[in-house]
């Protein structure tokens, strides 16, 4: 079994990339969210 350790910032970025892959967000939306401290309730 492989174990991966990630910080909150890396997990947030991974979440955005997974949303992109699943086409739940657009690249434009992701670019606005990827570096911000916004939460999901604000669209990010």
C-alpha atoms as a PDB file:
ATOM      1  CA  UNK A   1       0.000   0.000   0.000  1.00  0.00           C
ATOM      2  CA  UNK A   2       1.235   3.477  -0.883  1.00  0.00           C
ATOM      3  CA  UNK A   3       0.778   6.299   1.599  1.00  0.00           C
ATOM      4  CA  UNK A   4       0.932   9.921   0.493  1.00  0.00           C
ATOM      5  CA  UNK A   5       1.244  12.898   2.787  1.00  0.00           C
ATOM      6  CA  UNK A   6      -0.140  16.227   1.565  1.00  0.00           C
ATOM      7  CA  UNK A   7      -0.549  19.620   3.125  1.00  0.00           C
ATOM      8  CA  UNK A   8      -3.803  21.573   2.916  1.00  0.00           C
ATOM      9  CA  UNK A   9      -2.515  23.724   0.054  1.00  0.00           C
ATOM     10  CA  UNK A  10      -1.497  20.717  -2.069  1.00  0.00           C
ATOM     11  CA  UNK A  11      -4.807  19.003  -1.360  1.00  0.00           C
ATOM     12  CA  UNK A  12      -6.711  22.111  -2.435  1.00  0.00           C
ATOM     13  CA  UNK A  13      -4.789  22.256  -5.719  1.00  0.00           C
ATOM     14  CA  UNK A  14      -5.350  18.546  -6.324  1.00  0.00           C
ATOM     15  CA  UNK A  15      -9.068  19.094  -5.741  1.00  0.00           C
ATOM     16  CA  UNK A  16      -9.115  21.842  -8.405  1.00  0.00           C
ATOM     17  CA  UNK A  17      -7.264  19.600 -10.882  1.00  0.00           C
ATOM     18  CA  UNK A  18      -9.687  16.748 -10.254  1.00  0.00           C
ATOM     19  CA  UNK A  19     -12.635  19.117 -10.823  1.00  0.00           C
ATOM     20  CA  UNK A  20     -11.058  20.166 -14.127  1.00  0.00           C
ATOM     21  CA  UNK A  21     -10.600  16.569 -15.188  1.00  0.00           C
ATOM     22  CA  UNK A  22     -14.220  15.752 -14.325  1.00  0.00           C
ATOM     23  CA  UNK A  23     -15.317  18.920 -16.171  1.00  0.00           C
ATOM     24  CA  UNK A  24     -17.035  20.296 -13.064  1.00  0.00           C
ATOM     25  CA  UNK A  25     -15.230  23.624 -13.546  1.00  0.00           C
ATOM     26  CA  UNK A  26     -13.721  25.452 -16.495  1.00  0.00           C
ATOM     27  CA  UNK A  27     -10.064  26.397 -16.842  1.00  0.00           C
ATOM     28  CA  UNK A  28     -11.077  30.039 -16.404  1.00  0.00           C
ATOM     29  CA  UNK A  29     -12.813  29.239 -13.110  1.00  0.00           C
ATOM     30  CA  UNK A  30      -9.892  27.109 -11.917  1.00  0.00           C
ATOM     31  CA  UNK A  31      -7.367  29.851 -12.646  1.00  0.00           C
ATOM     32  CA  UNK A  32      -9.312  32.176 -10.376  1.00  0.00           C
ATOM     33  CA  UNK A  33      -9.499  29.558  -7.611  1.00  0.00           C
ATOM     34  CA  UNK A  34      -6.147  27.833  -7.657  1.00  0.00           C
ATOM     35  CA  UNK A  35      -4.124  30.397  -5.755  1.00  0.00           C
ATOM     36  CA  UNK A  36      -6.799  31.965  -3.612  1.00  0.00           C
ATOM     37  CA  UNK A  37      -7.982  31.325  -0.096  1.00  0.00           C
ATOM     38  CA  UNK A  38     -11.597  31.260  -1.234  1.00  0.00           C
ATOM     39  CA  UNK A  39     -13.818  28.431  -0.054  1.00  0.00           C
ATOM     40  CA  UNK A  40     -16.150  26.214  -2.071  1.00  0.00           C
ATOM     41  CA  UNK A  41     -19.252  28.214  -1.115  1.00  0.00           C
ATOM     42  CA  UNK A  42     -17.949  31.149  -3.136  1.00  0.00           C
ATOM     43  CA  UNK A  43     -17.551  28.966  -6.227  1.00  0.00           C
ATOM     44  CA  UNK A  44     -13.972  27.862  -5.635  1.00  0.00           C
END
